[in-house]
Every structure is written in C-alpha cells, then in structure tokens.
Amino acid sequence: MWRREVDDLLTHRERQVLCLIGQAKTTKEIAHLLNLSVHTIGSYRRVLRAKLNLRSGTELALYASNVAYLRSTGFVEQV
C-alpha cells in the first residue's frame, strides 16, 4: 500500500503507532511514549491490522518495519 493510500486510510495517531511499531517498540514502550494505556495501544494494533488487511501481529510488525525502512532510505516520505 502506497503512502497516499495509507494517509487516507489511517488517522494521525494510527500512523504514529505504526511508525513506532516499525521502530521495534513494544506495546508498553509505545503506550509510555504516547501517554496512553497499554490497552489503548492494543486496540490501535487491532484497528491497524483490520485497516491494512493484515492477519497477525507479526504481519503488522513486518509491514511497519518495511515502511520504516522505506522512509529511512527516502523512498517514501516521512509521516
């Protein structure tokens, strides 16, 4: 899914969570960084999987890692 499609599909907060997942942050770390509960981050992870048509947390982590890699190379713009 290309950046424009993701921008249209995800909220700003969902993109933040996705980027932090791509940086290999744990749910607890993400919750602390965004000042949210662990339960709320779990909900964001479920919503992200549904919106991106991913079947598991592993697929979400791989997707997020690929997005992070593409952004680091300049291939895809920063969020």
PDB file of N, CA and C in Angstrom:
ATOM      1  N   MET A   1       0.847  -1.162   0.000  1.00  0.00           N
ATOM      2  CA  MET A   1       0.000   0.000   0.000  1.00  0.00           C
ATOM      3  C   MET A   1       0.901   1.236   0.000  1.00  0.00           C
ATOM      4  N   TRP A   2       0.660   2.153  -0.886  1.00  0.00           N
ATOM      5  CA  TRP A   2       1.498   3.340  -1.013  1.00  0.00           C
ATOM      6  C   TRP A   2       1.105   4.394   0.001  1.00  0.00           C
ATOM      7  N   ARG A   3       1.978   5.351   0.243  1.00  0.00           N
ATOM      8  CA  ARG A   3       1.839   6.363   1.280  1.00  0.00           C
ATOM      9  C   ARG A   3       0.511   7.100   1.184  1.00  0.00           C
ATOM     10  N   ARG A   4       0.105   7.531   0.026  1.00  0.00           N
ATOM     11  CA  ARG A   4      -1.141   8.298  -0.119  1.00  0.00           C
ATOM     12  C   ARG A   4      -2.326   7.465   0.343  1.00  0.00           C
ATOM     13  N   GLU A   5      -2.344   6.198  -0.016  1.00  0.00           N
ATOM     14  CA  GLU A   5      -3.435   5.324   0.408  1.00  0.00           C
ATOM     15  C   GLU A   5      -3.442   5.167   1.924  1.00  0.00           C
ATOM     16  N   VAL A   6      -2.267   5.043   2.515  1.00  0.00           N
ATOM     17  CA  VAL A   6      -2.173   4.901   3.965  1.00  0.00           C
ATOM     18  C   VAL A   6      -2.617   6.198   4.636  1.00  0.00           C
ATOM     19  N   ASP A   7      -2.198   7.340   4.108  1.00  0.00           N
ATOM     20  CA  ASP A   7      -2.616   8.633   4.668  1.00  0.00           C
ATOM     21  C   ASP A   7      -4.124   8.774   4.669  1.00  0.00           C
ATOM     22  N   ASP A   8      -4.768   8.351   3.601  1.00  0.00           N
ATOM     23  CA  ASP A   8      -6.221   8.446   3.507  1.00  0.00           C
ATOM     24  C   ASP A   8      -6.911   7.452   4.436  1.00  0.00           C
ATOM     25  N   LEU A   9      -6.265   6.351   4.705  1.00  0.00           N
ATOM     26  CA  LEU A   9      -6.865   5.262   5.463  1.00  0.00           C
ATOM     27  C   LEU A   9      -6.673   5.402   6.968  1.00  0.00           C
ATOM     28  N   LEU A  10      -5.509   5.895   7.389  1.00  0.00           N
ATOM     29  CA  LEU A  10      -5.163   5.912   8.813  1.00  0.00           C
ATOM     30  C   LEU A  10      -5.253   7.324   9.402  1.00  0.00           C
ATOM     31  N   THR A  11      -5.600   7.379  10.673  1.00  0.00           N
ATOM     32  CA  THR A  11      -5.578   8.650  11.390  1.00  0.00           C
ATOM     33  C   THR A  11      -4.130   9.003  11.728  1.00  0.00           C
ATOM     34  N   HIS A  12      -3.923  10.224  12.171  1.00  0.00           N
ATOM     35  CA  HIS A  12      -2.584  10.654  12.566  1.00  0.00           C
ATOM     36  C   HIS A  12      -2.040   9.767  13.687  1.00  0.00           C
ATOM     37  N   ARG A  13      -2.862   9.479  14.681  1.00  0.00           N
ATOM     38  CA  ARG A  13      -2.431   8.653  15.816  1.00  0.00           C
ATOM     39  C   ARG A  13      -2.109   7.228  15.360  1.00  0.00           C
ATOM     40  N   GLU A  14      -2.907   6.687  14.450  1.00  0.00           N
ATOM     41  CA  GLU A  14      -2.632   5.339  13.926  1.00  0.00           C
ATOM     42  C   GLU A  14      -1.295   5.315  13.194  1.00  0.00           C
ATOM     43  N   ARG A  15      -0.989   6.386  12.445  1.00  0.00           N
ATOM     44  CA  ARG A  15       0.307   6.454  11.756  1.00  0.00           C
ATOM     45  C   ARG A  15       1.448   6.544  12.767  1.00  0.00           C
ATOM     46  N   GLN A  16       1.219   7.284  13.867  1.00  0.00           N
ATOM     47  CA  GLN A  16       2.245   7.355  14.921  1.00  0.00           C
ATOM     48  C   GLN A  16       2.522   5.969  15.496  1.00  0.00           C
ATOM     49  N   VAL A  17       1.465   5.251  15.821  1.00  0.00           N
ATOM     50  CA  VAL A  17       1.618   3.910  16.385  1.00  0.00           C
ATOM     51  C   VAL A  17       2.326   2.999  15.378  1.00  0.00           C
ATOM     52  N   LEU A  18       1.930   3.069  14.120  1.00  0.00           N
ATOM     53  CA  LEU A  18       2.552   2.248  13.076  1.00  0.00           C
ATOM     54  C   LEU A  18       4.045   2.541  12.979  1.00  0.00           C
ATOM     55  N   CYS A  19       4.427   3.811  13.016  1.00  0.00           N
ATOM     56  CA  CYS A  19       5.845   4.168  12.938  1.00  0.00           C
ATOM     57  C   CYS A  19       6.626   3.638  14.132  1.00  0.00           C
ATOM     58  N   LEU A  20       6.027   3.697  15.312  1.00  0.00           N
ATOM     59  CA  LEU A  20       6.708   3.185  16.499  1.00  0.00           C
ATOM     60  C   LEU A  20       6.822   1.669  16.467  1.00  0.00           C
ATOM     61  N   ILE A  21       5.818   0.998  15.932  1.00  0.00           N
ATOM     62  CA  ILE A  21       5.915  -0.453  15.743  1.00  0.00           C
ATOM     63  C   ILE A  21       7.069  -0.752  14.787  1.00  0.00           C
ATOM     64  N   GLY A  22       7.197   0.055  13.742  1.00  0.00           N
ATOM     65  CA  GLY A  22       8.278  -0.114  12.768  1.00  0.00           C
ATOM     66  C   GLY A  22       9.653   0.111  13.361  1.00  0.00           C
ATOM     67  N   GLN A  23       9.720   0.831  14.476  1.00  0.00           N
ATOM     68  CA  GLN A  23      10.985   1.063  15.181  1.00  0.00           C
ATOM     69  C   GLN A  23      11.224  -0.014  16.242  1.00  0.00           C
ATOM     70  N   ALA A  24      10.424  -1.069  16.195  1.00  0.00           N
ATOM     71  CA  ALA A  24      10.540  -2.221  17.103  1.00  0.00           C
ATOM     72  C   ALA A  24      10.247  -1.869  18.558  1.00  0.00           C
ATOM     73  N   LYS A  25       9.389  -0.876  18.775  1.00  0.00           N
ATOM     74  CA  LYS A  25       8.966  -0.530  20.129  1.00  0.00           C
ATOM     75  C   LYS A  25       7.906  -1.530  20.578  1.00  0.00           C
ATOM     76  N   THR A  26       7.929  -1.867  21.856  1.00  0.00           N
ATOM     77  CA  THR A  26       6.917  -2.766  22.411  1.00  0.00           C
ATOM     78  C   THR A  26       5.636  -1.982  22.675  1.00  0.00           C
ATOM     79  N   THR A  27       4.560  -2.712  22.906  1.00  0.00           N
ATOM     80  CA  THR A  27       3.287  -2.072  23.222  1.00  0.00           C
ATOM     81  C   THR A  27       3.440  -1.185  24.453  1.00  0.00           C
ATOM     82  N   LYS A  28       4.140  -1.671  25.454  1.00  0.00           N
ATOM     83  CA  LYS A  28       4.351  -0.900  26.677  1.00  0.00           C
ATOM     84  C   LYS A  28       5.158   0.371  26.402  1.00  0.00           C
ATOM     85  N   GLU A  29       6.191   0.263  25.577  1.00  0.00           N
ATOM     86  CA  GLU A  29       7.004   1.432  25.234  1.00  0.00           C
ATOM     87  C   GLU A  29       6.189   2.467  24.456  1.00  0.00           C
ATOM     88  N   ILE A  30       5.380   1.987  23.516  1.00  0.00           N
ATOM     89  CA  ILE A  30       4.543   2.889  22.722  1.00  0.00           C
ATOM     90  C   ILE A  30       3.545   3.608  23.632  1.00  0.00           C
ATOM     91  N   ALA A  31       2.939   2.861  24.540  1.00  0.00           N
ATOM     92  CA  ALA A  31       1.984   3.449  25.479  1.00  0.00           C
ATOM     93  C   ALA A  31       2.656   4.551  26.296  1.00  0.00           C
ATOM     94  N   HIS A  32       3.849   4.288  26.775  1.00  0.00           N
ATOM     95  CA  HIS A  32       4.576   5.285  27.571  1.00  0.00           C
ATOM     96  C   HIS A  32       4.905   6.518  26.719  1.00  0.00           C
ATOM     97  N   LEU A  33       5.415   6.310  25.517  1.00  0.00           N
ATOM     98  CA  LEU A  33       5.801   7.426  24.648  1.00  0.00           C
ATOM     99  C   LEU A  33       4.612   8.313  24.263  1.00  0.00           C
ATOM    100  N   LEU A  34       3.452   7.702  24.060  1.00  0.00           N
ATOM    101  CA  LEU A  34       2.276   8.454  23.625  1.00  0.00           C
ATOM    102  C   LEU A  34       1.351   8.821  24.781  1.00  0.00           C
ATOM    103  N   ASN A  35       1.771   8.459  25.998  1.00  0.00           N
ATOM    104  CA  ASN A  35       0.979   8.737  27.200  1.00  0.00           C
ATOM    105  C   ASN A  35      -0.430   8.136  27.101  1.00  0.00           C
ATOM    106  N   LEU A  36      -0.483   6.887  26.666  1.00  0.00           N
ATOM    107  CA  LEU A  36      -1.733   6.140  26.540  1.00  0.00           C
ATOM    108  C   LEU A  36      -1.608   4.831  27.304  1.00  0.00           C
ATOM    109  N   SER A  37      -2.722   4.157  27.506  1.00  0.00           N
ATOM    110  CA  SER A  37      -2.670   2.875  28.201  1.00  0.00           C
ATOM    111  C   SER A  37      -2.227   1.763  27.247  1.00  0.00           C
ATOM    112  N   VAL A  38      -1.720   0.694  27.824  1.00  0.00           N
ATOM    113  CA  VAL A  38      -1.331  -0.482  27.051  1.00  0.00           C
ATOM    114  C   VAL A  38      -2.561  -1.035  26.315  1.00  0.00           C
ATOM    115  N   HIS A  39      -3.706  -1.011  26.982  1.00  0.00           N
ATOM    116  CA  HIS A  39      -4.952  -1.487  26.363  1.00  0.00           C
ATOM    117  C   HIS A  39      -5.293  -0.664  25.122  1.00  0.00           C
ATOM    118  N   THR A  40      -5.120   0.645  25.193  1.00  0.00           N
ATOM    119  CA  THR A  40      -5.411   1.515  24.050  1.00  0.00           C
ATOM    120  C   THR A  40      -4.487   1.196  22.881  1.00  0.00           C
ATOM    121  N   ILE A  41      -3.220   0.964  23.154  1.00  0.00           N
ATOM    122  CA  ILE A  41      -2.279   0.614  22.084  1.00  0.00           C
ATOM    123  C   ILE A  41      -2.658  -0.731  21.478  1.00  0.00           C
ATOM    124  N   GLY A  42      -3.095  -1.677  22.292  1.00  0.00           N
ATOM    125  CA  GLY A  42      -3.581  -2.958  21.766  1.00  0.00           C
ATOM    126  C   GLY A  42      -4.757  -2.749  20.822  1.00  0.00           C
ATOM    127  N   SER A  43      -5.630  -1.825  21.178  1.00  0.00           N
ATOM    128  CA  SER A  43      -6.771  -1.510  20.302  1.00  0.00           C
ATOM    129  C   SER A  43      -6.290  -0.908  18.988  1.00  0.00           C
ATOM    130  N   TYR A  44      -5.309   0.012  19.066  1.00  0.00           N
ATOM    131  CA  TYR A  44      -4.753   0.587  17.838  1.00  0.00           C
ATOM    132  C   TYR A  44      -4.137  -0.499  16.963  1.00  0.00           C
ATOM    133  N   ARG A  45      -3.448  -1.450  17.575  1.00  0.00           N
ATOM    134  CA  ARG A  45      -2.837  -2.541  16.803  1.00  0.00           C
ATOM    135  C   ARG A  45      -3.906  -3.363  16.079  1.00  0.00           C
ATOM    136  N   ARG A  46      -5.019  -3.647  16.761  1.00  0.00           N
ATOM    137  CA  ARG A  46      -6.113  -4.400  16.128  1.00  0.00           C
ATOM    138  C   ARG A  46      -6.725  -3.617  14.972  1.00  0.00           C
ATOM    139  N   VAL A  47      -6.942  -2.315  15.185  1.00  0.00           N
ATOM    140  CA  VAL A  47      -7.513  -1.465  14.131  1.00  0.00           C
ATOM    141  C   VAL A  47      -6.567  -1.393  12.935  1.00  0.00           C
ATOM    142  N   LEU A  48      -5.274  -1.242  13.192  1.00  0.00           N
ATOM    143  CA  LEU A  48      -4.292  -1.204  12.106  1.00  0.00           C
ATOM    144  C   LEU A  48      -4.305  -2.495  11.297  1.00  0.00           C
ATOM    145  N   ARG A  49      -4.342  -3.632  11.989  1.00  0.00           N
ATOM    146  CA  ARG A  49      -4.398  -4.919  11.267  1.00  0.00           C
ATOM    147  C   ARG A  49      -5.639  -4.987  10.392  1.00  0.00           C
ATOM    148  N   ALA A  50      -6.761  -4.545  10.908  1.00  0.00           N
ATOM    149  CA  ALA A  50      -8.009  -4.598  10.136  1.00  0.00           C
ATOM    150  C   ALA A  50      -7.943  -3.652   8.934  1.00  0.00           C
ATOM    151  N   LYS A  51      -7.517  -2.427   9.152  1.00  0.00           N
ATOM    152  CA  LYS A  51      -7.478  -1.444   8.064  1.00  0.00           C
ATOM    153  C   LYS A  51      -6.469  -1.813   6.978  1.00  0.00           C
ATOM    154  N   LEU A  52      -5.366  -2.454   7.375  1.00  0.00           N
ATOM    155  CA  LEU A  52      -4.312  -2.800   6.419  1.00  0.00           C
ATOM    156  C   LEU A  52      -4.445  -4.235   5.902  1.00  0.00           C
ATOM    157  N   ASN A  53      -5.525  -4.896   6.295  1.00  0.00           N
ATOM    158  CA  ASN A  53      -5.792  -6.273   5.860  1.00  0.00           C
ATOM    159  C   ASN A  53      -4.648  -7.225   6.211  1.00  0.00           C
ATOM    160  N   LEU A  54      -4.172  -7.112   7.446  1.00  0.00           N
ATOM    161  CA  LEU A  54      -3.102  -7.970   7.933  1.00  0.00           C
ATOM    162  C   LEU A  54      -3.698  -8.965   8.921  1.00  0.00           C
ATOM    163  N   ARG A  55      -3.191 -10.189   8.914  1.00  0.00           N
ATOM    164  CA  ARG A  55      -3.805 -11.249   9.716  1.00  0.00           C
ATOM    165  C   ARG A  55      -3.223 -11.419  11.106  1.00  0.00           C
ATOM    166  N   SER A  56      -2.047 -10.887  11.343  1.00  0.00           N
ATOM    167  CA  SER A  56      -1.419 -11.148  12.643  1.00  0.00           C
ATOM    168  C   SER A  56      -0.560  -9.965  13.070  1.00  0.00           C
ATOM    169  N   GLY A  57      -0.157 -10.018  14.327  1.00  0.00           N
ATOM    170  CA  GLY A  57       0.766  -9.017  14.835  1.00  0.00           C
ATOM    171  C   GLY A  57       2.111  -9.080  14.135  1.00  0.00           C
ATOM    172  N   THR A  58       2.496 -10.276  13.742  1.00  0.00           N
ATOM    173  CA  THR A  58       3.765 -10.447  13.015  1.00  0.00           C
ATOM    174  C   THR A  58       3.705  -9.749  11.668  1.00  0.00           C
ATOM    175  N   GLU A  59       2.596  -9.914  10.945  1.00  0.00           N
ATOM    176  CA  GLU A  59       2.443  -9.225   9.661  1.00  0.00           C
ATOM    177  C   GLU A  59       2.450  -7.714   9.851  1.00  0.00           C
ATOM    178  N   LEU A  60       1.813  -7.240  10.927  1.00  0.00           N
ATOM    179  CA  LEU A  60       1.801  -5.806  11.215  1.00  0.00           C
ATOM    180  C   LEU A  60       3.221  -5.307  11.476  1.00  0.00           C
ATOM    181  N   ALA A  61       3.991  -6.048  12.256  1.00  0.00           N
ATOM    182  CA  ALA A  61       5.371  -5.653  12.550  1.00  0.00           C
ATOM    183  C   ALA A  61       6.226  -5.635  11.283  1.00  0.00           C
ATOM    184  N   LEU A  62       6.056  -6.636  10.427  1.00  0.00           N
ATOM    185  CA  LEU A  62       6.808  -6.665   9.162  1.00  0.00           C
ATOM    186  C   LEU A  62       6.416  -5.503   8.262  1.00  0.00           C
ATOM    187  N   TYR A  63       5.124  -5.235   8.162  1.00  0.00           N
ATOM    188  CA  TYR A  63       4.637  -4.113   7.352  1.00  0.00           C
ATOM    189  C   TYR A  63       5.228  -2.807   7.883  1.00  0.00           C
ATOM    190  N   ALA A  64       5.133  -2.607   9.203  1.00  0.00           N
ATOM    191  CA  ALA A  64       5.639  -1.378   9.817  1.00  0.00           C
ATOM    192  C   ALA A  64       7.146  -1.250   9.630  1.00  0.00           C
ATOM    193  N   SER A  65       7.873  -2.351   9.736  1.00  0.00           N
ATOM    194  CA  SER A  65       9.326  -2.332   9.530  1.00  0.00           C
ATOM    195  C   SER A  65       9.668  -1.952   8.098  1.00  0.00           C
ATOM    196  N   ASN A  66       8.919  -2.477   7.148  1.00  0.00           N
ATOM    197  CA  ASN A  66       9.154  -2.133   5.744  1.00  0.00           C
ATOM    198  C   ASN A  66       8.878  -0.661   5.486  1.00  0.00           C
ATOM    199  N   VAL A  67       7.819  -0.125   6.067  1.00  0.00           N
ATOM    200  CA  VAL A  67       7.509   1.302   5.923  1.00  0.00           C
ATOM    201  C   VAL A  67       8.638   2.126   6.529  1.00  0.00           C
ATOM    202  N   ALA A  68       9.113   1.731   7.719  1.00  0.00           N
ATOM    203  CA  ALA A  68      10.208   2.453   8.384  1.00  0.00           C
ATOM    204  C   ALA A  68      11.467   2.411   7.525  1.00  0.00           C
ATOM    205  N   TYR A  69      11.763   1.254   6.940  1.00  0.00           N
ATOM    206  CA  TYR A  69      12.948   1.127   6.083  1.00  0.00           C
ATOM    207  C   TYR A  69      12.825   2.022   4.852  1.00  0.00           C
ATOM    208  N   LEU A  70      11.670   1.995   4.208  1.00  0.00           N
ATOM    209  CA  LEU A  70      11.480   2.808   3.005  1.00  0.00           C
ATOM    210  C   LEU A  70      11.591   4.294   3.324  1.00  0.00           C
ATOM    211  N   ARG A  71      11.090   4.695   4.474  1.00  0.00           N
ATOM    212  CA  ARG A  71      11.207   6.102   4.877  1.00  0.00           C
ATOM    213  C   ARG A  71      12.661   6.459   5.152  1.00  0.00           C
ATOM    214  N   SER A  72      13.408   5.552   5.765  1.00  0.00           N
ATOM    215  CA  SER A  72      14.807   5.848   6.087  1.00  0.00           C
ATOM    216  C   SER A  72      15.660   5.984   4.829  1.00  0.00           C
ATOM    217  N   THR A  73      15.265   5.320   3.752  1.00  0.00           N
ATOM    218  CA  THR A  73      16.017   5.413   2.503  1.00  0.00           C
ATOM    219  C   THR A  73      15.573   6.594   1.644  1.00  0.00           C
ATOM    220  N   GLY A  74      14.486   7.255   2.096  1.00  0.00           N
ATOM    221  CA  GLY A  74      13.966   8.391   1.323  1.00  0.00           C
ATOM    222  C   GLY A  74      13.011   7.979   0.221  1.00  0.00           C
ATOM    223  N   PHE A  75      12.762   6.675   0.087  1.00  0.00           N
ATOM    224  CA  PHE A  75      11.851   6.193  -0.959  1.00  0.00           C
ATOM    225  C   PHE A  75      10.419   6.627  -0.695  1.00  0.00           C
ATOM    226  N   VAL A  76      10.061   6.660   0.591  1.00  0.00           N
ATOM    227  CA  VAL A  76       8.724   7.093   0.997  1.00  0.00           C
ATOM    228  C   VAL A  76       8.906   8.269   1.949  1.00  0.00           C
ATOM    229  N   GLU A  77       8.085   9.302   1.800  1.00  0.00           N
ATOM    230  CA  GLU A  77       8.177  10.484   2.649  1.00  0.00           C
ATOM    231  C   GLU A  77       7.925  10.158   4.112  1.00  0.00           C
ATOM    232  N   GLN A  78       8.447  11.008   4.990  1.00  0.00           N
ATOM    233  CA  GLN A  78       8.193  10.877   6.426  1.00  0.00           C
ATOM    234  C   GLN A  78       6.745  11.205   6.707  1.00  0.00           C
ATOM    235  N   VAL A  79       6.209  10.614   7.789  1.00  0.00           N
ATOM    236  CA  VAL A  79       4.837  10.915   8.217  1.00  0.00           C
ATOM    237  C   VAL A  79       4.806  12.293   8.793  1.00  0.00           C
TER     238      VAL A  79
END
